[in-house]
Amino acid sequence: MDAFGVFYTRYREALLGHLVRRLRKPELAADLLAEAFARALIVVKDDDAELPHAPAAWLFAVAMNLVRDSARRKEVEMTARARLGLERLVLDDDDIERILEIGAADDLLSGVRAHLSDVEWEALCARVVDEQPYALIAEQLQCSQAVVRKRVSRARAHLRTAFGGFHG
């Protein structure tokens, strides 16, 4: 899988969940997700474009701009998808059900997030979700491996207390 495919796989459900939770309309969320990733792909394919330093944050910002623009115009923009020759999404009942499941999982994730400090959340996500080694996390967070281990341990303890039995 190429780098963009990895990026897409890593962030599609997180962004889709965020959009569904915000919009409460699975079809609209799917359309905006497709347009946001199409815009990202155009940037990646443009040899003259400077890639964003924080691609995930940039992607979420693009999506939120699309949400605002779509609400203002009362239609979903499709310019990036058209430029790439992509057709409009057609969703069936199974697709909509899956999108709603992703939105519900995102609600759960927000509930989990509410029980942790920023540093605990960051360390836990890096270790459990991204499966990064402690050494890399410590480098990224500019602290020692012992500090990262302690943050992850505290996060797990808080979640065990809050949810009874979390073992992530």
N, C-alpha and C. Protein backbone atom coordinates (compact mmCIF):
# COMPACT_ATOMS: atom_id res chain seq x y z
N MET A 1 0.84 -1.17 0.00
CA MET A 1 0.00 0.00 0.00
C MET A 1 0.89 1.24 0.00
N ASP A 2 0.53 2.24 -0.81
CA ASP A 2 1.32 3.46 -0.86
C ASP A 2 1.04 4.33 0.36
N ALA A 3 1.81 5.39 0.51
CA ALA A 3 1.71 6.25 1.70
C ALA A 3 0.32 6.86 1.83
N PHE A 4 -0.29 7.28 0.71
CA PHE A 4 -1.62 7.86 0.79
C PHE A 4 -2.64 6.81 1.23
N GLY A 5 -2.49 5.59 0.76
CA GLY A 5 -3.38 4.51 1.19
C GLY A 5 -3.29 4.26 2.68
N VAL A 6 -2.09 4.31 3.21
CA VAL A 6 -1.90 4.15 4.65
C VAL A 6 -2.56 5.30 5.40
N PHE A 7 -2.37 6.53 4.91
CA PHE A 7 -2.98 7.72 5.51
C PHE A 7 -4.51 7.59 5.49
N TYR A 8 -5.04 7.20 4.35
CA TYR A 8 -6.50 7.03 4.22
C TYR A 8 -7.02 5.98 5.20
N THR A 9 -6.37 4.84 5.23
CA THR A 9 -6.81 3.76 6.12
C THR A 9 -6.73 4.19 7.59
N ARG A 10 -5.71 4.93 7.92
CA ARG A 10 -5.52 5.33 9.31
C ARG A 10 -6.55 6.35 9.78
N TYR A 11 -6.97 7.27 8.91
CA TYR A 11 -7.81 8.38 9.35
C TYR A 11 -9.25 8.36 8.83
N ARG A 12 -9.62 7.45 7.95
CA ARG A 12 -10.98 7.50 7.38
C ARG A 12 -12.06 7.32 8.43
N GLU A 13 -11.92 6.34 9.32
CA GLU A 13 -12.97 6.12 10.30
C GLU A 13 -13.01 7.21 11.35
N ALA A 14 -11.86 7.73 11.73
CA ALA A 14 -11.83 8.82 12.73
C ALA A 14 -12.53 10.05 12.16
N LEU A 15 -12.21 10.39 10.92
CA LEU A 15 -12.84 11.56 10.31
C LEU A 15 -14.32 11.30 10.05
N LEU A 16 -14.65 10.14 9.55
CA LEU A 16 -16.06 9.82 9.29
C LEU A 16 -16.86 9.85 10.59
N GLY A 17 -16.33 9.29 11.66
CA GLY A 17 -17.01 9.32 12.95
C GLY A 17 -17.23 10.74 13.42
N HIS A 18 -16.22 11.57 13.26
CA HIS A 18 -16.33 12.98 13.65
C HIS A 18 -17.43 13.67 12.83
N LEU A 19 -17.45 13.43 11.54
CA LEU A 19 -18.45 14.06 10.67
C LEU A 19 -19.86 13.57 11.00
N VAL A 20 -20.01 12.29 11.22
CA VAL A 20 -21.33 11.74 11.55
C VAL A 20 -21.83 12.32 12.86
N ARG A 21 -20.95 12.38 13.84
CA ARG A 21 -21.35 12.91 15.14
C ARG A 21 -21.76 14.38 15.02
N ARG A 22 -21.06 15.11 14.21
CA ARG A 22 -21.35 16.54 14.04
C ARG A 22 -22.60 16.78 13.21
N LEU A 23 -22.77 16.02 12.14
CA LEU A 23 -23.85 16.29 11.17
C LEU A 23 -25.11 15.47 11.40
N ARG A 24 -24.96 14.27 11.95
CA ARG A 24 -26.08 13.34 12.17
C ARG A 24 -26.75 12.91 10.86
N LYS A 25 -26.02 13.01 9.76
CA LYS A 25 -26.52 12.61 8.45
C LYS A 25 -25.46 11.76 7.78
N PRO A 26 -25.62 10.43 7.77
CA PRO A 26 -24.56 9.57 7.24
C PRO A 26 -24.21 9.82 5.77
N GLU A 27 -25.20 10.12 4.94
CA GLU A 27 -24.91 10.35 3.52
C GLU A 27 -24.05 11.61 3.34
N LEU A 28 -24.41 12.67 4.06
CA LEU A 28 -23.65 13.91 3.99
C LEU A 28 -22.24 13.71 4.53
N ALA A 29 -22.11 12.99 5.64
CA ALA A 29 -20.80 12.71 6.21
C ALA A 29 -19.92 11.95 5.22
N ALA A 30 -20.48 10.96 4.54
CA ALA A 30 -19.72 10.18 3.57
C ALA A 30 -19.28 11.04 2.38
N ASP A 31 -20.16 11.91 1.91
CA ASP A 31 -19.81 12.81 0.81
C ASP A 31 -18.67 13.75 1.20
N LEU A 32 -18.77 14.32 2.39
CA LEU A 32 -17.73 15.25 2.84
C LEU A 32 -16.41 14.53 3.10
N LEU A 33 -16.48 13.31 3.58
CA LEU A 33 -15.27 12.50 3.76
C LEU A 33 -14.59 12.27 2.42
N ALA A 34 -15.37 11.89 1.42
CA ALA A 34 -14.81 11.63 0.09
C ALA A 34 -14.17 12.89 -0.49
N GLU A 35 -14.84 14.02 -0.33
CA GLU A 35 -14.29 15.27 -0.87
C GLU A 35 -13.02 15.68 -0.14
N ALA A 36 -12.99 15.52 1.18
CA ALA A 36 -11.81 15.88 1.96
C ALA A 36 -10.60 15.03 1.53
N PHE A 37 -10.81 13.73 1.39
CA PHE A 37 -9.69 12.87 0.97
C PHE A 37 -9.31 13.13 -0.48
N ALA A 38 -10.26 13.48 -1.33
CA ALA A 38 -9.94 13.82 -2.72
C ALA A 38 -9.04 15.06 -2.74
N ARG A 39 -9.36 16.04 -1.90
CA ARG A 39 -8.52 17.24 -1.83
C ARG A 39 -7.12 16.89 -1.33
N ALA A 40 -7.04 16.01 -0.37
CA ALA A 40 -5.74 15.58 0.14
C ALA A 40 -4.94 14.88 -0.96
N LEU A 41 -5.59 14.03 -1.73
CA LEU A 41 -4.90 13.32 -2.80
C LEU A 41 -4.38 14.29 -3.87
N ILE A 42 -5.16 15.31 -4.17
CA ILE A 42 -4.71 16.31 -5.15
C ILE A 42 -3.43 16.98 -4.66
N VAL A 43 -3.38 17.33 -3.38
CA VAL A 43 -2.18 17.96 -2.82
C VAL A 43 -0.99 17.00 -2.92
N VAL A 44 -1.21 15.73 -2.58
CA VAL A 44 -0.13 14.74 -2.62
C VAL A 44 0.39 14.56 -4.04
N LYS A 45 -0.49 14.57 -5.02
CA LYS A 45 -0.08 14.37 -6.42
C LYS A 45 0.57 15.59 -7.05
N ASP A 46 0.38 16.76 -6.46
CA ASP A 46 0.93 18.00 -7.00
C ASP A 46 2.39 18.14 -6.56
N ASP A 47 3.29 17.98 -7.50
CA ASP A 47 4.72 18.06 -7.18
C ASP A 47 5.13 19.44 -6.66
N ASP A 48 4.38 20.48 -7.00
CA ASP A 48 4.72 21.84 -6.58
C ASP A 48 4.10 22.20 -5.23
N ALA A 49 3.16 21.42 -4.77
CA ALA A 49 2.49 21.73 -3.51
C ALA A 49 3.35 21.32 -2.32
N GLU A 50 3.30 22.14 -1.28
CA GLU A 50 4.00 21.80 -0.05
C GLU A 50 3.06 20.95 0.80
N LEU A 51 3.53 19.78 1.20
CA LEU A 51 2.71 18.90 2.02
C LEU A 51 2.54 19.49 3.42
N PRO A 52 1.37 19.33 4.01
CA PRO A 52 1.16 19.88 5.35
C PRO A 52 2.07 19.20 6.37
N HIS A 53 2.51 19.97 7.37
CA HIS A 53 3.39 19.43 8.41
C HIS A 53 2.63 18.49 9.34
N ALA A 54 1.35 18.74 9.54
CA ALA A 54 0.49 17.90 10.38
C ALA A 54 -0.68 17.44 9.52
N PRO A 55 -0.48 16.38 8.72
CA PRO A 55 -1.48 16.01 7.73
C PRO A 55 -2.85 15.65 8.31
N ALA A 56 -2.90 15.00 9.45
CA ALA A 56 -4.20 14.64 10.04
C ALA A 56 -4.95 15.90 10.46
N ALA A 57 -4.27 16.82 11.10
CA ALA A 57 -4.92 18.06 11.51
C ALA A 57 -5.38 18.85 10.29
N TRP A 58 -4.56 18.87 9.26
CA TRP A 58 -4.92 19.54 8.02
C TRP A 58 -6.17 18.91 7.41
N LEU A 59 -6.21 17.57 7.37
CA LEU A 59 -7.36 16.87 6.81
C LEU A 59 -8.64 17.21 7.57
N PHE A 60 -8.58 17.21 8.89
CA PHE A 60 -9.75 17.55 9.69
C PHE A 60 -10.16 19.00 9.46
N ALA A 61 -9.20 19.89 9.30
CA ALA A 61 -9.52 21.30 9.02
C ALA A 61 -10.20 21.44 7.67
N VAL A 62 -9.70 20.72 6.66
CA VAL A 62 -10.33 20.74 5.34
C VAL A 62 -11.77 20.25 5.45
N ALA A 63 -11.97 19.16 6.17
CA ALA A 63 -13.32 18.61 6.32
C ALA A 63 -14.25 19.60 7.02
N MET A 64 -13.76 20.26 8.06
CA MET A 64 -14.61 21.22 8.78
C MET A 64 -14.93 22.43 7.91
N ASN A 65 -13.99 22.84 7.06
CA ASN A 65 -14.27 23.91 6.10
C ASN A 65 -15.33 23.47 5.10
N LEU A 66 -15.27 22.23 4.68
CA LEU A 66 -16.29 21.69 3.78
C LEU A 66 -17.66 21.66 4.45
N VAL A 67 -17.69 21.31 5.74
CA VAL A 67 -18.96 21.31 6.47
C VAL A 67 -19.56 22.72 6.45
N ARG A 68 -18.75 23.71 6.78
CA ARG A 68 -19.26 25.10 6.80
C ARG A 68 -19.69 25.55 5.40
N ASP A 69 -18.86 25.27 4.39
CA ASP A 69 -19.20 25.68 3.03
C ASP A 69 -20.46 24.99 2.54
N SER A 70 -20.61 23.72 2.84
CA SER A 70 -21.79 22.97 2.41
C SER A 70 -23.05 23.50 3.08
N ALA A 71 -22.94 23.84 4.35
CA ALA A 71 -24.10 24.40 5.06
C ALA A 71 -24.49 25.75 4.46
N ARG A 72 -23.50 26.55 4.15
CA ARG A 72 -23.76 27.87 3.60
C ARG A 72 -24.38 27.78 2.20
N ARG A 73 -23.86 26.89 1.36
CA ARG A 73 -24.34 26.76 -0.02
C ARG A 73 -25.52 25.80 -0.14
N LYS A 74 -25.75 25.03 0.91
CA LYS A 74 -26.81 24.01 0.93
C LYS A 74 -26.59 22.92 -0.12
N GLU A 75 -25.33 22.64 -0.40
CA GLU A 75 -24.95 21.52 -1.27
C GLU A 75 -23.51 21.13 -0.97
N VAL A 76 -23.18 19.88 -1.25
CA VAL A 76 -21.84 19.39 -1.01
C VAL A 76 -20.98 19.67 -2.24
N GLU A 77 -19.84 20.27 -1.99
CA GLU A 77 -18.92 20.54 -3.09
C GLU A 77 -18.29 19.24 -3.56
N MET A 78 -18.12 19.13 -4.87
CA MET A 78 -17.53 17.92 -5.45
C MET A 78 -16.38 18.26 -6.40
N THR A 79 -15.79 19.43 -6.26
CA THR A 79 -14.78 19.84 -7.24
C THR A 79 -13.54 18.95 -7.24
N ALA A 80 -13.07 18.56 -6.07
CA ALA A 80 -11.87 17.71 -6.03
C ALA A 80 -12.18 16.33 -6.60
N ARG A 81 -13.34 15.78 -6.26
CA ARG A 81 -13.70 14.47 -6.80
C ARG A 81 -13.88 14.55 -8.31
N ALA A 82 -14.48 15.62 -8.80
CA ALA A 82 -14.66 15.79 -10.25
C ALA A 82 -13.29 15.89 -10.92
N ARG A 83 -12.38 16.64 -10.32
CA ARG A 83 -11.03 16.80 -10.88
C ARG A 83 -10.31 15.45 -10.99
N LEU A 84 -10.59 14.56 -10.03
CA LEU A 84 -9.97 13.23 -10.06
C LEU A 84 -10.78 12.23 -10.87
N GLY A 85 -11.92 12.65 -11.39
CA GLY A 85 -12.76 11.75 -12.19
C GLY A 85 -13.55 10.76 -11.34
N LEU A 86 -13.81 11.10 -10.09
CA LEU A 86 -14.56 10.22 -9.20
C LEU A 86 -16.05 10.53 -9.29
N GLU A 87 -16.86 9.49 -9.25
CA GLU A 87 -18.31 9.67 -9.32
C GLU A 87 -18.89 9.94 -7.94
N ARG A 88 -20.10 10.45 -7.93
CA ARG A 88 -20.82 10.70 -6.68
C ARG A 88 -21.05 9.37 -5.96
N LEU A 89 -20.97 9.42 -4.63
CA LEU A 89 -21.19 8.21 -3.83
C LEU A 89 -22.64 7.76 -3.89
N VAL A 90 -22.82 6.46 -3.97
CA VAL A 90 -24.15 5.88 -3.87
C VAL A 90 -24.09 4.88 -2.71
N LEU A 91 -24.86 5.16 -1.67
CA LEU A 91 -24.83 4.33 -0.47
C LEU A 91 -26.08 3.48 -0.39
N ASP A 92 -25.90 2.24 0.05
CA ASP A 92 -27.06 1.40 0.31
C ASP A 92 -27.30 1.34 1.82
N ASP A 93 -28.32 0.61 2.24
CA ASP A 93 -28.67 0.55 3.66
C ASP A 93 -27.52 0.01 4.52
N ASP A 94 -26.79 -0.98 4.00
CA ASP A 94 -25.65 -1.52 4.74
C ASP A 94 -24.56 -0.47 4.95
N ASP A 95 -24.31 0.33 3.92
CA ASP A 95 -23.32 1.40 4.03
C ASP A 95 -23.73 2.41 5.11
N ILE A 96 -24.99 2.79 5.08
CA ILE A 96 -25.49 3.76 6.06
C ILE A 96 -25.42 3.19 7.47
N GLU A 97 -25.76 1.93 7.62
CA GLU A 97 -25.68 1.29 8.93
C GLU A 97 -24.23 1.29 9.44
N ARG A 98 -23.28 0.97 8.57
CA ARG A 98 -21.86 0.96 8.96
C ARG A 98 -21.39 2.36 9.34
N ILE A 99 -21.82 3.37 8.60
CA ILE A 99 -21.44 4.75 8.92
C ILE A 99 -21.98 5.12 10.29
N LEU A 100 -23.21 4.74 10.58
CA LEU A 100 -23.80 5.04 11.89
C LEU A 100 -23.05 4.29 13.00
N GLU A 101 -22.59 3.08 12.73
CA GLU A 101 -21.78 2.33 13.71
C GLU A 101 -20.47 3.07 13.99
N ILE A 102 -19.85 3.57 12.94
CA ILE A 102 -18.60 4.32 13.09
C ILE A 102 -18.85 5.58 13.92
N GLY A 103 -19.97 6.26 13.66
CA GLY A 103 -20.33 7.43 14.44
C GLY A 103 -20.54 7.09 15.91
N ALA A 104 -21.18 5.95 16.18
CA ALA A 104 -21.40 5.53 17.57
C ALA A 104 -20.07 5.21 18.24
N ALA A 105 -19.16 4.58 17.52
CA ALA A 105 -17.84 4.27 18.07
C ALA A 105 -17.09 5.56 18.37
N ASP A 106 -17.26 6.57 17.52
CA ASP A 106 -16.62 7.86 17.76
C ASP A 106 -17.19 8.51 19.01
N ASP A 107 -18.49 8.34 19.25
CA ASP A 107 -19.09 8.86 20.49
C ASP A 107 -18.46 8.17 21.70
N LEU A 108 -18.23 6.86 21.60
CA LEU A 108 -17.60 6.11 22.68
C LEU A 108 -16.18 6.63 22.91
N LEU A 109 -15.46 6.85 21.82
CA LEU A 109 -14.10 7.37 21.94
C LEU A 109 -14.08 8.73 22.63
N SER A 110 -15.05 9.57 22.33
CA SER A 110 -15.14 10.87 23.00
C SER A 110 -15.41 10.68 24.48
N GLY A 111 -16.21 9.68 24.81
CA GLY A 111 -16.48 9.38 26.22
C GLY A 111 -15.22 8.92 26.93
N VAL A 112 -14.44 8.10 26.27
CA VAL A 112 -13.17 7.63 26.84
C VAL A 112 -12.24 8.82 27.02
N ARG A 113 -12.16 9.66 26.01
CA ARG A 113 -11.27 10.83 26.04
C ARG A 113 -11.56 11.75 27.22
N ALA A 114 -12.83 11.85 27.58
CA ALA A 114 -13.24 12.75 28.66
C ALA A 114 -12.66 12.36 30.02
N HIS A 115 -12.21 11.11 30.16
CA HIS A 115 -11.68 10.62 31.43
C HIS A 115 -10.18 10.76 31.58
N LEU A 116 -9.52 11.30 30.56
CA LEU A 116 -8.05 11.36 30.57
C LEU A 116 -7.54 12.78 30.39
N SER A 117 -6.37 13.03 30.95
CA SER A 117 -5.71 14.30 30.70
C SER A 117 -5.16 14.29 29.26
N ASP A 118 -4.78 15.44 28.77
CA ASP A 118 -4.23 15.52 27.41
C ASP A 118 -3.00 14.65 27.24
N VAL A 119 -2.09 14.69 28.23
CA VAL A 119 -0.85 13.93 28.11
C VAL A 119 -1.12 12.42 28.20
N GLU A 120 -2.08 12.02 29.03
CA GLU A 120 -2.43 10.60 29.12
C GLU A 120 -3.07 10.13 27.81
N TRP A 121 -3.98 10.94 27.28
CA TRP A 121 -4.65 10.59 26.02
C TRP A 121 -3.64 10.43 24.89
N GLU A 122 -2.73 11.37 24.79
CA GLU A 122 -1.73 11.34 23.72
C GLU A 122 -0.84 10.10 23.84
N ALA A 123 -0.39 9.81 25.03
CA ALA A 123 0.47 8.64 25.24
C ALA A 123 -0.29 7.34 25.00
N LEU A 124 -1.52 7.25 25.50
CA LEU A 124 -2.32 6.04 25.32
C LEU A 124 -2.62 5.78 23.84
N CYS A 125 -3.02 6.82 23.13
CA CYS A 125 -3.31 6.65 21.69
C CYS A 125 -2.07 6.20 20.92
N ALA A 126 -0.93 6.83 21.22
CA ALA A 126 0.30 6.46 20.54
C ALA A 126 0.66 5.00 20.80
N ARG A 127 0.48 4.56 22.04
CA ARG A 127 0.87 3.20 22.41
C ARG A 127 -0.17 2.16 22.00
N VAL A 128 -1.44 2.40 22.30
CA VAL A 128 -2.48 1.38 22.09
C VAL A 128 -3.08 1.44 20.69
N VAL A 129 -3.42 2.64 20.23
CA VAL A 129 -4.05 2.76 18.92
C VAL A 129 -3.02 2.66 17.80
N ASP A 130 -1.96 3.47 17.91
CA ASP A 130 -0.94 3.50 16.85
C ASP A 130 0.12 2.41 17.00
N GLU A 131 0.11 1.72 18.15
CA GLU A 131 1.04 0.63 18.44
C GLU A 131 2.50 1.03 18.29
N GLN A 132 2.83 2.24 18.73
CA GLN A 132 4.19 2.72 18.63
C GLN A 132 4.99 2.23 19.83
N PRO A 133 6.27 1.99 19.63
CA PRO A 133 7.13 1.59 20.76
C PRO A 133 7.35 2.79 21.70
N TYR A 134 7.60 2.48 22.97
CA TYR A 134 7.78 3.53 23.96
C TYR A 134 8.90 4.50 23.57
N ALA A 135 9.97 4.00 22.99
CA ALA A 135 11.09 4.87 22.62
C ALA A 135 10.65 5.94 21.62
N LEU A 136 9.87 5.55 20.62
CA LEU A 136 9.41 6.51 19.62
C LEU A 136 8.45 7.52 20.24
N ILE A 137 7.55 7.05 21.09
CA ILE A 137 6.60 7.95 21.76
C ILE A 137 7.37 8.97 22.61
N ALA A 138 8.36 8.50 23.35
CA ALA A 138 9.16 9.39 24.18
C ALA A 138 9.85 10.45 23.33
N GLU A 139 10.36 10.05 22.19
CA GLU A 139 11.00 11.00 21.28
C GLU A 139 9.99 12.04 20.79
N GLN A 140 8.81 11.58 20.39
CA GLN A 140 7.79 12.49 19.88
C GLN A 140 7.28 13.45 20.96
N LEU A 141 7.14 12.94 22.17
CA LEU A 141 6.62 13.76 23.27
C LEU A 141 7.72 14.52 24.02
N GLN A 142 8.96 14.27 23.62
CA GLN A 142 10.13 14.91 24.21
C GLN A 142 10.17 14.71 25.73
N CYS A 143 10.11 13.44 26.10
CA CYS A 143 10.23 13.06 27.51
C CYS A 143 10.87 11.68 27.55
N SER A 144 11.07 11.16 28.74
CA SER A 144 11.72 9.85 28.86
C SER A 144 10.71 8.72 28.64
N GLN A 145 11.24 7.53 28.36
CA GLN A 145 10.38 6.36 28.21
C GLN A 145 9.65 6.06 29.52
N ALA A 146 10.29 6.31 30.64
CA ALA A 146 9.66 6.07 31.94
C ALA A 146 8.43 6.96 32.11
N VAL A 147 8.54 8.21 31.67
CA VAL A 147 7.40 9.13 31.76
C VAL A 147 6.26 8.64 30.86
N VAL A 148 6.59 8.19 29.66
CA VAL A 148 5.56 7.67 28.75
C VAL A 148 4.89 6.45 29.36
N ARG A 149 5.68 5.53 29.89
CA ARG A 149 5.11 4.33 30.52
C ARG A 149 4.17 4.71 31.66
N LYS A 150 4.55 5.70 32.44
CA LYS A 150 3.72 6.14 33.57
C LYS A 150 2.42 6.76 33.07
N ARG A 151 2.49 7.56 32.02
CA ARG A 151 1.28 8.17 31.45
C ARG A 151 0.32 7.12 30.92
N VAL A 152 0.86 6.14 30.22
CA VAL A 152 0.02 5.06 29.68
C VAL A 152 -0.58 4.27 30.84
N SER A 153 0.21 3.98 31.83
CA SER A 153 -0.27 3.24 33.01
C SER A 153 -1.39 4.00 33.72
N ARG A 154 -1.19 5.30 33.91
CA ARG A 154 -2.23 6.12 34.56
C ARG A 154 -3.50 6.16 33.72
N ALA A 155 -3.35 6.28 32.42
CA ALA A 155 -4.52 6.31 31.53
C ALA A 155 -5.31 5.02 31.65
N ARG A 156 -4.61 3.91 31.62
CA ARG A 156 -5.28 2.61 31.75
C ARG A 156 -5.98 2.49 33.10
N ALA A 157 -5.33 2.96 34.15
CA ALA A 157 -5.94 2.90 35.48
C ALA A 157 -7.20 3.76 35.55
N HIS A 158 -7.14 4.96 34.97
CA HIS A 158 -8.33 5.82 34.95
C HIS A 158 -9.47 5.17 34.18
N LEU A 159 -9.15 4.53 33.07
CA LEU A 159 -10.18 3.89 32.27
C LEU A 159 -10.74 2.64 32.97
N ARG A 160 -9.89 1.91 33.67
CA ARG A 160 -10.39 0.75 34.44
C ARG A 160 -11.38 1.22 35.50
N THR A 161 -11.05 2.32 36.16
CA THR A 161 -11.93 2.87 37.18
C THR A 161 -13.24 3.35 36.57
N ALA A 162 -13.13 4.06 35.44
CA ALA A 162 -14.32 4.64 34.82
C ALA A 162 -15.20 3.60 34.15
N PHE A 163 -14.58 2.61 33.51
CA PHE A 163 -15.36 1.67 32.70
C PHE A 163 -15.31 0.23 33.22
N GLY A 164 -14.55 0.00 34.27
CA GLY A 164 -14.50 -1.33 34.86
C GLY A 164 -13.90 -2.38 33.95
N GLY A 165 -12.60 -2.50 33.97
CA GLY A 165 -11.96 -3.62 33.28
C GLY A 165 -11.30 -3.31 31.96
N PHE A 166 -11.08 -2.04 31.62
CA PHE A 166 -10.37 -1.71 30.39
C PHE A 166 -8.96 -2.29 30.44
N HIS A 167 -8.55 -3.01 29.38
CA HIS A 167 -7.22 -3.63 29.36
C HIS A 167 -6.45 -3.24 28.11
N GLY A 168 -6.76 -2.11 27.50
CA GLY A 168 -6.13 -1.68 26.25
C GLY A 168 -4.69 -1.38 26.38
